[in-house]
Amino acid sequence: MSEPAISLRGLTKTYAGGKQALKGIDLDIPRGSIFGLLGPNGAGKSTTINILAGLVNKTTGSARIWGFDIDEHPRNAKASIGIVPQELVFDAFFTPFETLELQAGLFGVPRERRRSMELLKAVRLDDKAHVYSRTLSGGMKRRLLVAKALVHTPPVLVLDEPTAGVDIELRQLLWDYVRELHAAGTTIVLTTHYLEEAESLCDRIAIINHGQVVANDDTQKLLGTTGDKLLDVIIDRDLDVPPPIPACKSVELKDGRRLLISFDKRTTNAGAVLAGLAAAGIGVVDVSTREADLEDVFLELTSGKAAA
């Protein structure tokens, strides 16, 4: 088996003042995967990414990127990873082309091997190659950061909240490009608060909470860890309060004639729920079901534990 793209062992980080952001992270990110790294605000995701980027010094433990230890071979480790940060950080007085050329120079990419225009075209910025970066829209700046992270052709690309605050069209464009990169062999690490994105894109997902890994599995297996199921029921009359139904986790009344009923499919079934409605004298006009999604799993694993 090939070595993981990223391997973390016993990774801890305690900041000045005593705040412990990471409490012994053990994590392997497989080569060639699209890997979701999720967690509430303050859970330790950004600290982990900043350690990999060389922006934060770990306290203890080890981290390897593409087989290179970040302490023993820092240059090789940094050359193996490209990071798209949350913040829109670049020189506003450089053009996109100049920004990529400068970044390529910092990574020691020879002029004849630089791909500045190719990357700008890939992120649909080739028509803005020679305008000041300060004139770009927020979405264009986000795309420029993606191109900037790829100038040295790293085998691992980390996207830290890449679609935060961008419109639907740009989000789709970005994910199409990410899929192209993945198909070409790039390992993608994604953090996002849009859980439906992680569910649809990622092969495997780890959830960090309170500085610890609380889940790490294939996406479909992770979705199967919760037994929650939801019934969306249209009833035959208006109610003022939701009816009590035995063996249900919750019954929520919507718009007088719509009930959202949550139950654990491991201990009961939809038939028993509907029988409970019938026993209460309530007729059913229509019903639909929904299995637990990543949001349900996320909330089950992190509820009440997130840091501020």
C-alpha atoms as a PDB file:
ATOM      1  CA  MET A   1       0.000   0.000   0.000  1.00  0.00           C
ATOM      2  CA  SER A   2       1.387   3.424  -0.930  1.00  0.00           C
ATOM      3  CA  GLU A   3       2.132   5.940   1.790  1.00  0.00           C
ATOM      4  CA  PRO A   4      -0.731   8.350   2.555  1.00  0.00           C
ATOM      5  CA  ALA A   5      -0.758  11.789   0.938  1.00  0.00           C
ATOM      6  CA  ILE A   6      -0.841  13.276   4.442  1.00  0.00           C
ATOM      7  CA  SER A   7      -0.086  11.387   7.651  1.00  0.00           C
ATOM      8  CA  LEU A   8      -0.522  12.889  11.127  1.00  0.00           C
ATOM      9  CA  ARG A   9       0.526  11.102  14.293  1.00  0.00           C
ATOM     10  CA  GLY A  10      -0.063  12.383  17.825  1.00  0.00           C
ATOM     11  CA  LEU A  11      -0.327  15.952  16.542  1.00  0.00           C
ATOM     12  CA  THR A  12      -0.889  18.492  19.307  1.00  0.00           C
ATOM     13  CA  LYS A  13      -0.880  22.266  19.482  1.00  0.00           C
ATOM     14  CA  THR A  14      -1.047  24.369  22.618  1.00  0.00           C
ATOM     15  CA  TYR A  15      -1.021  28.135  22.089  1.00  0.00           C
ATOM     16  CA  ALA A  16       0.488  30.701  24.418  1.00  0.00           C
ATOM     17  CA  GLY A  17      -1.949  31.137  27.269  1.00  0.00           C
ATOM     18  CA  GLY A  18      -2.672  27.438  27.506  1.00  0.00           C
ATOM     19  CA  LYS A  19      -5.378  26.945  24.870  1.00  0.00           C
ATOM     20  CA  GLN A  20      -5.001  23.415  23.502  1.00  0.00           C
ATOM     21  CA  ALA A  21      -6.228  23.476  19.916  1.00  0.00           C
ATOM     22  CA  LEU A  22      -5.180  19.914  18.966  1.00  0.00           C
ATOM     23  CA  LYS A  23      -5.163  16.966  21.361  1.00  0.00           C
ATOM     24  CA  GLY A  24      -3.314  14.161  19.635  1.00  0.00           C
ATOM     25  CA  ILE A  25      -4.604  14.004  16.061  1.00  0.00           C
ATOM     26  CA  ASP A  26      -3.994  10.694  14.255  1.00  0.00           C
ATOM     27  CA  LEU A  27      -5.102  10.904  10.633  1.00  0.00           C
ATOM     28  CA  ASP A  28      -4.169   9.420   7.252  1.00  0.00           C
ATOM     29  CA  ILE A  29      -5.415  11.023   4.026  1.00  0.00           C
ATOM     30  CA  PRO A  30      -5.175   8.513   1.137  1.00  0.00           C
ATOM     31  CA  ARG A  31      -3.443   9.465  -2.089  1.00  0.00           C
ATOM     32  CA  GLY A  32      -5.819  10.209  -4.941  1.00  0.00           C
ATOM     33  CA  SER A  33      -8.827  10.874  -2.703  1.00  0.00           C
ATOM     34  CA  ILE A  34     -11.141  13.813  -2.203  1.00  0.00           C
ATOM     35  CA  PHE A  35     -11.014  14.009   1.576  1.00  0.00           C
ATOM     36  CA  GLY A  36     -13.368  16.088   3.706  1.00  0.00           C
ATOM     37  CA  LEU A  37     -12.002  17.586   6.934  1.00  0.00           C
ATOM     38  CA  LEU A  38     -15.024  18.878   8.826  1.00  0.00           C
ATOM     39  CA  GLY A  39     -15.786  20.297  12.246  1.00  0.00           C
ATOM     40  CA  PRO A  40     -17.420  23.193  14.086  1.00  0.00           C
ATOM     41  CA  ASN A  41     -15.747  26.583  14.362  1.00  0.00           C
ATOM     42  CA  GLY A  42     -12.851  26.317  16.779  1.00  0.00           C
ATOM     43  CA  ALA A  43     -12.585  22.535  16.444  1.00  0.00           C
ATOM     44  CA  GLY A  44      -8.972  22.569  15.175  1.00  0.00           C
ATOM     45  CA  LYS A  45      -9.323  22.382  11.381  1.00  0.00           C
ATOM     46  CA  SER A  46      -7.531  25.648  10.626  1.00  0.00           C
ATOM     47  CA  THR A  47      -4.771  24.897  13.120  1.00  0.00           C
ATOM     48  CA  THR A  48      -4.163  21.546  11.405  1.00  0.00           C
ATOM     49  CA  ILE A  49      -4.033  23.177   7.974  1.00  0.00           C
ATOM     50  CA  ASN A  50      -1.754  25.979   9.181  1.00  0.00           C
ATOM     51  CA  ILE A  51       0.676  23.410  10.609  1.00  0.00           C
ATOM     52  CA  LEU A  52       0.782  21.670   7.230  1.00  0.00           C
ATOM     53  CA  ALA A  53       1.321  25.041   5.528  1.00  0.00           C
ATOM     54  CA  GLY A  54       4.210  25.896   7.839  1.00  0.00           C
ATOM     55  CA  LEU A  55       2.383  28.896   9.302  1.00  0.00           C
ATOM     56  CA  VAL A  56       1.972  27.408  12.794  1.00  0.00           C
ATOM     57  CA  ASN A  57       4.486  25.326  14.730  1.00  0.00           C
ATOM     58  CA  LYS A  58       3.104  22.114  16.216  1.00  0.00           C
ATOM     59  CA  THR A  59       3.714  21.378  19.885  1.00  0.00           C
ATOM     60  CA  THR A  60       4.264  17.606  19.639  1.00  0.00           C
ATOM     61  CA  GLY A  61       3.661  14.787  17.192  1.00  0.00           C
ATOM     62  CA  SER A  62       4.570  14.382  13.541  1.00  0.00           C
ATOM     63  CA  ALA A  63       3.189  15.379  10.157  1.00  0.00           C
ATOM     64  CA  ARG A  64       4.212  14.006   6.758  1.00  0.00           C
ATOM     65  CA  ILE A  65       3.170  15.345   3.371  1.00  0.00           C
ATOM     66  CA  TRP A  66       3.706  13.036   0.378  1.00  0.00           C
ATOM     67  CA  GLY A  67       6.189  11.069   2.465  1.00  0.00           C
ATOM     68  CA  PHE A  68       8.189  14.108   3.662  1.00  0.00           C
ATOM     69  CA  ASP A  69       8.311  14.976   7.352  1.00  0.00           C
ATOM     70  CA  ILE A  70       7.585  18.683   7.808  1.00  0.00           C
ATOM     71  CA  ASP A  71      10.487  19.019  10.278  1.00  0.00           C
ATOM     72  CA  GLU A  72      13.096  16.848   8.571  1.00  0.00           C
ATOM     73  CA  HIS A  73      12.336  17.869   4.966  1.00  0.00           C
ATOM     74  CA  PRO A  74      10.414  21.156   5.172  1.00  0.00           C
ATOM     75  CA  ARG A  75      11.194  22.309   1.606  1.00  0.00           C
ATOM     76  CA  ASN A  76      10.047  19.044   0.047  1.00  0.00           C
ATOM     77  CA  ALA A  77       6.964  18.961   2.263  1.00  0.00           C
ATOM     78  CA  LYS A  78       5.961  22.513   1.287  1.00  0.00           C
ATOM     79  CA  ALA A  79       6.596  21.768  -2.393  1.00  0.00           C
ATOM     80  CA  SER A  80       4.179  18.836  -2.137  1.00  0.00           C
ATOM     81  CA  ILE A  81       1.171  20.857  -1.011  1.00  0.00           C
ATOM     82  CA  GLY A  82      -0.819  23.804  -2.294  1.00  0.00           C
ATOM     83  CA  ILE A  83      -3.179  25.596   0.077  1.00  0.00           C
ATOM     84  CA  VAL A  84      -6.116  27.829  -0.784  1.00  0.00           C
ATOM     85  CA  PRO A  85      -6.760  29.834   2.419  1.00  0.00           C
ATOM     86  CA  GLN A  86     -10.072  31.240   3.617  1.00  0.00           C
ATOM     87  CA  GLU A  87      -8.731  34.785   3.521  1.00  0.00           C
ATOM     88  CA  LEU A  88      -8.316  36.637   0.217  1.00  0.00           C
ATOM     89  CA  VAL A  89      -4.618  37.424   0.670  1.00  0.00           C
ATOM     90  CA  PHE A  90      -2.463  38.739  -2.205  1.00  0.00           C
ATOM     91  CA  ASP A  91      -0.908  41.989  -3.432  1.00  0.00           C
ATOM     92  CA  ALA A  92      -3.701  44.164  -4.813  1.00  0.00           C
ATOM     93  CA  PHE A  93      -1.262  46.078  -7.046  1.00  0.00           C
ATOM     94  CA  PHE A  94      -0.062  42.982  -8.922  1.00  0.00           C
ATOM     95  CA  THR A  95      -1.969  41.620 -11.873  1.00  0.00           C
ATOM     96  CA  PRO A  96      -3.151  37.990 -11.735  1.00  0.00           C
ATOM     97  CA  PHE A  97      -0.389  37.035 -14.182  1.00  0.00           C
ATOM     98  CA  GLU A  98       2.267  38.765 -12.078  1.00  0.00           C
ATOM     99  CA  THR A  99       0.871  37.128  -8.914  1.00  0.00           C
ATOM    100  CA  LEU A 100       1.280  33.663 -10.392  1.00  0.00           C
ATOM    101  CA  GLU A 101       4.707  34.412 -11.849  1.00  0.00           C
ATOM    102  CA  LEU A 102       5.940  35.667  -8.466  1.00  0.00           C
ATOM    103  CA  GLN A 103       4.551  32.633  -6.657  1.00  0.00           C
ATOM    104  CA  ALA A 104       6.153  30.292  -9.182  1.00  0.00           C
ATOM    105  CA  GLY A 105       9.477  32.073  -8.666  1.00  0.00           C
ATOM    106  CA  LEU A 106       9.208  31.638  -4.908  1.00  0.00           C
ATOM    107  CA  PHE A 107       8.822  27.893  -5.451  1.00  0.00           C
ATOM    108  CA  GLY A 108      11.796  27.828  -7.816  1.00  0.00           C
ATOM    109  CA  VAL A 109       9.785  26.913 -10.917  1.00  0.00           C
ATOM    110  CA  PRO A 110      11.951  27.705 -14.011  1.00  0.00           C
ATOM    111  CA  ARG A 111      10.410  30.199 -16.446  1.00  0.00           C
ATOM    112  CA  GLU A 112      10.101  27.607 -19.185  1.00  0.00           C
ATOM    113  CA  ARG A 113       8.007  25.380 -16.895  1.00  0.00           C
ATOM    114  CA  ARG A 114       5.665  28.031 -15.568  1.00  0.00           C
ATOM    115  CA  ARG A 115       1.964  27.661 -16.381  1.00  0.00           C
ATOM    116  CA  SER A 116       0.598  31.065 -15.429  1.00  0.00           C
ATOM    117  CA  MET A 117      -1.645  31.627 -18.459  1.00  0.00           C
ATOM    118  CA  GLU A 118      -2.703  27.977 -18.511  1.00  0.00           C
ATOM    119  CA  LEU A 119      -3.837  28.212 -14.890  1.00  0.00           C
ATOM    120  CA  LEU A 120      -5.602  31.548 -15.428  1.00  0.00           C
ATOM    121  CA  LYS A 121      -7.478  30.036 -18.344  1.00  0.00           C
ATOM    122  CA  ALA A 122      -8.417  27.012 -16.259  1.00  0.00           C
ATOM    123  CA  VAL A 123     -10.031  29.236 -13.602  1.00  0.00           C
ATOM    124  CA  ARG A 124     -11.602  31.540 -16.232  1.00  0.00           C
ATOM    125  CA  LEU A 125      -9.378  34.525 -15.501  1.00  0.00           C
ATOM    126  CA  ASP A 126      -7.330  34.662 -18.691  1.00  0.00           C
ATOM    127  CA  ASP A 127      -9.242  37.788 -19.806  1.00  0.00           C
ATOM    128  CA  LYS A 128      -8.219  39.468 -16.505  1.00  0.00           C
ATOM    129  CA  ALA A 129      -4.570  38.409 -16.656  1.00  0.00           C
ATOM    130  CA  HIS A 130      -3.178  41.939 -16.900  1.00  0.00           C
ATOM    131  CA  VAL A 131      -5.543  44.048 -14.791  1.00  0.00           C
ATOM    132  CA  TYR A 132      -4.808  45.009 -11.186  1.00  0.00           C
ATOM    133  CA  SER A 133      -5.970  42.304  -8.798  1.00  0.00           C
ATOM    134  CA  ARG A 134      -7.734  44.912  -6.662  1.00  0.00           C
ATOM    135  CA  THR A 135     -10.289  45.367  -9.457  1.00  0.00           C
ATOM    136  CA  LEU A 136     -11.369  41.721  -9.379  1.00  0.00           C
ATOM    137  CA  SER A 137     -14.660  40.658  -7.812  1.00  0.00           C
ATOM    138  CA  GLY A 138     -14.667  38.492  -4.701  1.00  0.00           C
ATOM    139  CA  GLY A 139     -15.357  35.373  -6.740  1.00  0.00           C
ATOM    140  CA  MET A 140     -12.523  36.168  -9.157  1.00  0.00           C
ATOM    141  CA  LYS A 141     -10.134  36.681  -6.250  1.00  0.00           C
ATOM    142  CA  ARG A 142     -11.152  33.286  -4.872  1.00  0.00           C
ATOM    143  CA  ARG A 143     -10.368  31.668  -8.237  1.00  0.00           C
ATOM    144  CA  LEU A 144      -7.011  33.468  -8.360  1.00  0.00           C
ATOM    145  CA  LEU A 145      -6.091  31.900  -5.015  1.00  0.00           C
ATOM    146  CA  VAL A 146      -6.822  28.455  -6.450  1.00  0.00           C
ATOM    147  CA  ALA A 147      -4.525  29.146  -9.413  1.00  0.00           C
ATOM    148  CA  LYS A 148      -1.876  30.534  -7.064  1.00  0.00           C
ATOM    149  CA  ALA A 149      -1.895  27.314  -5.016  1.00  0.00           C
ATOM    150  CA  LEU A 150      -1.251  25.272  -8.164  1.00  0.00           C
ATOM    151  CA  VAL A 151       1.727  27.098  -9.701  1.00  0.00           C
ATOM    152  CA  HIS A 152       4.234  24.484  -8.492  1.00  0.00           C
ATOM    153  CA  THR A 153       2.014  21.530  -9.513  1.00  0.00           C
ATOM    154  CA  PRO A 154       1.643  20.076  -6.005  1.00  0.00           C
ATOM    155  CA  PRO A 155       0.287  16.531  -5.666  1.00  0.00           C
ATOM    156  CA  VAL A 156      -1.894  17.662  -2.720  1.00  0.00           C
ATOM    157  CA  LEU A 157      -4.311  20.603  -2.804  1.00  0.00           C
ATOM    158  CA  VAL A 158      -6.011  21.874   0.374  1.00  0.00           C
ATOM    159  CA  LEU A 159      -9.152  23.963  -0.070  1.00  0.00           C
ATOM    160  CA  ASP A 160     -10.039  25.775   3.169  1.00  0.00           C
ATOM    161  CA  GLU A 161     -13.668  26.962   2.899  1.00  0.00           C
ATOM    162  CA  PRO A 162     -13.226  27.700  -0.832  1.00  0.00           C
ATOM    163  CA  THR A 163     -16.887  28.525  -1.548  1.00  0.00           C
ATOM    164  CA  ALA A 164     -17.604  30.679   1.497  1.00  0.00           C
ATOM    165  CA  GLY A 165     -19.576  33.721   0.346  1.00  0.00           C
ATOM    166  CA  VAL A 166     -19.532  32.917  -3.378  1.00  0.00           C
ATOM    167  CA  ASP A 167     -22.501  32.529  -5.701  1.00  0.00           C
ATOM    168  CA  ILE A 168     -23.930  29.271  -7.025  1.00  0.00           C
ATOM    169  CA  GLU A 169     -22.436  29.646 -10.513  1.00  0.00           C
ATOM    170  CA  LEU A 170     -18.905  30.154  -9.187  1.00  0.00           C
ATOM    171  CA  ARG A 171     -19.319  27.283  -6.745  1.00  0.00           C
ATOM    172  CA  GLN A 172     -20.257  24.952  -9.591  1.00  0.00           C
ATOM    173  CA  LEU A 173     -17.346  26.199 -11.731  1.00  0.00           C
ATOM    174  CA  LEU A 174     -14.917  25.628  -8.879  1.00  0.00           C
ATOM    175  CA  TRP A 175     -16.144  22.102  -8.185  1.00  0.00           C
ATOM    176  CA  ASP A 176     -15.974  21.212 -11.875  1.00  0.00           C
ATOM    177  CA  TYR A 177     -12.321  22.264 -11.880  1.00  0.00           C
ATOM    178  CA  VAL A 178     -11.633  20.370  -8.650  1.00  0.00           C
ATOM    179  CA  ARG A 179     -13.064  17.227 -10.229  1.00  0.00           C
ATOM    180  CA  GLU A 180     -10.766  17.737 -13.231  1.00  0.00           C
ATOM    181  CA  LEU A 181      -7.746  18.054 -10.921  1.00  0.00           C
ATOM    182  CA  HIS A 182      -8.798  14.947  -9.024  1.00  0.00           C
ATOM    183  CA  ALA A 183      -9.248  12.993 -12.241  1.00  0.00           C
ATOM    184  CA  ALA A 184      -5.691  13.991 -13.187  1.00  0.00           C
ATOM    185  CA  GLY A 185      -4.368  12.501  -9.932  1.00  0.00           C
ATOM    186  CA  THR A 186      -4.343  15.406  -7.454  1.00  0.00           C
ATOM    187  CA  THR A 187      -5.296  14.572  -3.876  1.00  0.00           C
ATOM    188  CA  ILE A 188      -7.892  17.089  -2.643  1.00  0.00           C
ATOM    189  CA  VAL A 189      -8.439  18.011   1.008  1.00  0.00           C
ATOM    190  CA  LEU A 190     -11.593  20.051   1.582  1.00  0.00           C
ATOM    191  CA  THR A 191     -12.916  21.939   4.581  1.00  0.00           C
ATOM    192  CA  THR A 192     -16.376  23.415   4.231  1.00  0.00           C
ATOM    193  CA  HIS A 193     -19.451  24.365   6.230  1.00  0.00           C
ATOM    194  CA  TYR A 194     -21.624  23.421   3.245  1.00  0.00           C
ATOM    195  CA  LEU A 195     -22.121  19.813   4.292  1.00  0.00           C
ATOM    196  CA  GLU A 196     -24.028  18.885   1.152  1.00  0.00           C
ATOM    197  CA  GLU A 197     -20.852  19.722  -0.808  1.00  0.00           C
ATOM    198  CA  ALA A 198     -18.768  17.383   1.307  1.00  0.00           C
ATOM    199  CA  GLU A 199     -21.384  14.644   1.042  1.00  0.00           C
ATOM    200  CA  SER A 200     -21.502  14.815  -2.762  1.00  0.00           C
ATOM    201  CA  LEU A 201     -17.777  15.376  -3.413  1.00  0.00           C
ATOM    202  CA  CYS A 202     -15.780  13.472  -0.807  1.00  0.00           C
ATOM    203  CA  ASP A 203     -14.738   9.805  -0.893  1.00  0.00           C
ATOM    204  CA  ARG A 204     -13.870   9.898   2.793  1.00  0.00           C
ATOM    205  CA  ILE A 205     -14.611  12.294   5.647  1.00  0.00           C
ATOM    206  CA  ALA A 206     -13.030  12.990   9.021  1.00  0.00           C
ATOM    207  CA  ILE A 207     -14.798  15.101  11.634  1.00  0.00           C
ATOM    208  CA  ILE A 208     -12.718  16.999  14.186  1.00  0.00           C
ATOM    209  CA  ASN A 209     -14.323  18.284  17.352  1.00  0.00           C
ATOM    210  CA  HIS A 210     -12.681  19.926  20.329  1.00  0.00           C
ATOM    211  CA  GLY A 211      -9.204  19.153  18.948  1.00  0.00           C
ATOM    212  CA  GLN A 212      -9.830  15.434  18.436  1.00  0.00           C
ATOM    213  CA  VAL A 213     -10.895  13.199  15.547  1.00  0.00           C
ATOM    214  CA  VAL A 214     -14.390  11.940  16.423  1.00  0.00           C
ATOM    215  CA  ALA A 215     -15.094  10.197  13.089  1.00  0.00           C
ATOM    216  CA  ASN A 216     -13.047   9.047  10.089  1.00  0.00           C
ATOM    217  CA  ASP A 217     -14.592   6.761   7.496  1.00  0.00           C
ATOM    218  CA  ASP A 218     -15.779   6.362   3.928  1.00  0.00           C
ATOM    219  CA  THR A 219     -18.578   8.849   3.292  1.00  0.00           C
ATOM    220  CA  GLN A 220     -21.295   6.232   2.767  1.00  0.00           C
ATOM    221  CA  LYS A 221     -20.237   4.255   5.857  1.00  0.00           C
ATOM    222  CA  LEU A 222     -20.253   7.452   7.894  1.00  0.00           C
ATOM    223  CA  LEU A 223     -23.776   8.227   6.723  1.00  0.00           C
ATOM    224  CA  GLY A 224     -24.821   4.804   7.962  1.00  0.00           C
ATOM    225  CA  THR A 225     -23.643   5.439  11.524  1.00  0.00           C
ATOM    226  CA  THR A 226     -26.842   7.252  12.487  1.00  0.00           C
ATOM    227  CA  GLY A 227     -30.170   5.467  12.522  1.00  0.00           C
ATOM    228  CA  ASP A 228     -32.248   8.622  12.145  1.00  0.00           C
ATOM    229  CA  LYS A 229     -34.992   8.679   9.550  1.00  0.00           C
ATOM    230  CA  LEU A 230     -37.451  11.463   8.808  1.00  0.00           C
ATOM    231  CA  LEU A 231     -41.096  11.199   7.771  1.00  0.00           C
ATOM    232  CA  ASP A 232     -42.653  14.250   6.107  1.00  0.00           C
ATOM    233  CA  VAL A 233     -46.420  13.751   6.543  1.00  0.00           C
ATOM    234  CA  ILE A 234     -49.354  15.762   5.205  1.00  0.00           C
ATOM    235  CA  ILE A 235     -52.410  15.164   7.407  1.00  0.00           C
ATOM    236  CA  ASP A 236     -56.147  15.600   6.830  1.00  0.00           C
ATOM    237  CA  ARG A 237     -56.817  18.467   9.230  1.00  0.00           C
ATOM    238  CA  ASP A 238     -55.250  21.432  10.975  1.00  0.00           C
ATOM    239  CA  LEU A 239     -53.612  20.935  14.347  1.00  0.00           C
ATOM    240  CA  ASP A 240     -52.591  23.475  16.974  1.00  0.00           C
ATOM    241  CA  VAL A 241     -49.984  21.256  18.625  1.00  0.00           C
ATOM    242  CA  PRO A 242     -48.088  18.181  17.357  1.00  0.00           C
ATOM    243  CA  PRO A 243     -49.594  14.877  18.500  1.00  0.00           C
ATOM    244  CA  PRO A 244     -47.655  12.559  20.827  1.00  0.00           C
ATOM    245  CA  ILE A 245     -46.452   9.508  18.899  1.00  0.00           C
ATOM    246  CA  PRO A 246     -44.743   6.702  20.839  1.00  0.00           C
ATOM    247  CA  ALA A 247     -41.173   5.667  19.922  1.00  0.00           C
ATOM    248  CA  CYS A 248     -40.441   8.856  17.953  1.00  0.00           C
ATOM    249  CA  LYS A 249     -37.490  11.124  18.682  1.00  0.00           C
ATOM    250  CA  SER A 250     -39.374  14.284  17.708  1.00  0.00           C
ATOM    251  CA  VAL A 251     -42.638  15.428  16.128  1.00  0.00           C
ATOM    252  CA  GLU A 252     -42.625  18.926  14.653  1.00  0.00           C
ATOM    253  CA  LEU A 253     -45.738  20.711  13.362  1.00  0.00           C
ATOM    254  CA  LYS A 254     -45.350  22.767  10.171  1.00  0.00           C
ATOM    255  CA  ASP A 255     -48.108  24.941   8.660  1.00  0.00           C
ATOM    256  CA  GLY A 256     -50.945  23.253  10.554  1.00  0.00           C
ATOM    257  CA  ARG A 257     -51.193  20.191   8.301  1.00  0.00           C
ATOM    258  CA  ARG A 258     -47.603  19.078   7.911  1.00  0.00           C
ATOM    259  CA  LEU A 259     -45.701  16.978  10.409  1.00  0.00           C
ATOM    260  CA  LEU A 260     -41.952  16.280  10.410  1.00  0.00           C
ATOM    261  CA  ILE A 261     -41.431  13.117  12.404  1.00  0.00           C
ATOM    262  CA  SER A 262     -37.961  11.854  13.343  1.00  0.00           C
ATOM    263  CA  PHE A 263     -37.405   8.285  14.524  1.00  0.00           C
ATOM    264  CA  ASP A 264     -34.605   5.751  14.922  1.00  0.00           C
ATOM    265  CA  LYS A 265     -35.006   3.142  12.193  1.00  0.00           C
ATOM    266  CA  ARG A 266     -33.010   0.656  14.287  1.00  0.00           C
ATOM    267  CA  THR A 267     -35.789   0.473  16.907  1.00  0.00           C
ATOM    268  CA  THR A 268     -38.959   1.340  15.007  1.00  0.00           C
ATOM    269  CA  ASN A 269     -40.247   1.704  11.451  1.00  0.00           C
ATOM    270  CA  ALA A 270     -42.408   3.984   9.330  1.00  0.00           C
ATOM    271  CA  GLY A 271     -45.378   1.638   9.635  1.00  0.00           C
ATOM    272  CA  ALA A 272     -45.353   1.950  13.423  1.00  0.00           C
ATOM    273  CA  VAL A 273     -45.192   5.739  13.153  1.00  0.00           C
ATOM    274  CA  LEU A 274     -48.158   5.841  10.773  1.00  0.00           C
ATOM    275  CA  ALA A 275     -50.051   3.458  13.055  1.00  0.00           C
ATOM    276  CA  GLY A 276     -49.424   5.908  15.896  1.00  0.00           C
ATOM    277  CA  LEU A 277     -51.000   8.673  13.827  1.00  0.00           C
ATOM    278  CA  ALA A 278     -54.003   6.480  13.062  1.00  0.00           C
ATOM    279  CA  ALA A 279     -54.394   5.637  16.758  1.00  0.00           C
ATOM    280  CA  ALA A 280     -54.532   9.373  17.461  1.00  0.00           C
ATOM    281  CA  GLY A 281     -57.357   9.688  14.951  1.00  0.00           C
ATOM    282  CA  ILE A 282     -55.257  11.547  12.378  1.00  0.00           C
ATOM    283  CA  GLY A 283     -55.617  10.688   8.693  1.00  0.00           C
ATOM    284  CA  VAL A 284     -52.626  10.746   6.329  1.00  0.00           C
ATOM    285  CA  VAL A 285     -52.974  12.480   2.950  1.00  0.00           C
ATOM    286  CA  ASP A 286     -49.365  12.119   1.758  1.00  0.00           C
ATOM    287  CA  VAL A 287     -46.054  10.922   3.150  1.00  0.00           C
ATOM    288  CA  SER A 288     -42.390  10.989   2.087  1.00  0.00           C
ATOM    289  CA  THR A 289     -39.256   9.706   3.798  1.00  0.00           C
ATOM    290  CA  ARG A 290     -35.678  10.916   4.057  1.00  0.00           C
ATOM    291  CA  GLU A 291     -32.630   9.051   5.310  1.00  0.00           C
ATOM    292  CA  ALA A 292     -30.068  10.729   7.547  1.00  0.00           C
ATOM    293  CA  ASP A 293     -27.610  12.955   5.678  1.00  0.00           C
ATOM    294  CA  LEU A 294     -24.186  14.286   6.596  1.00  0.00           C
ATOM    295  CA  GLU A 295     -25.720  17.172   8.531  1.00  0.00           C
ATOM    296  CA  ASP A 296     -27.505  14.705  10.811  1.00  0.00           C
ATOM    297  CA  VAL A 297     -24.274  12.752  11.398  1.00  0.00           C
ATOM    298  CA  PHE A 298     -22.311  15.968  11.983  1.00  0.00           C
ATOM    299  CA  LEU A 299     -24.783  17.280  14.547  1.00  0.00           C
ATOM    300  CA  GLU A 300     -24.971  13.934  16.318  1.00  0.00           C
ATOM    301  CA  LEU A 301     -21.171  13.826  16.700  1.00  0.00           C
ATOM    302  CA  THR A 302     -20.561  17.473  17.588  1.00  0.00           C
ATOM    303  CA  SER A 303     -23.697  18.818  19.255  1.00  0.00           C
ATOM    304  CA  GLY A 304     -22.955  20.615  22.483  1.00  0.00           C
ATOM    305  CA  LYS A 305     -19.166  20.201  22.169  1.00  0.00           C
ATOM    306  CA  ALA A 306     -18.164  22.887  19.688  1.00  0.00           C
ATOM    307  CA  ALA A 307     -15.798  25.579  20.836  1.00  0.00           C
ATOM    308  CA  ALA A 308     -16.871  29.180  20.508  1.00  0.00           C
END
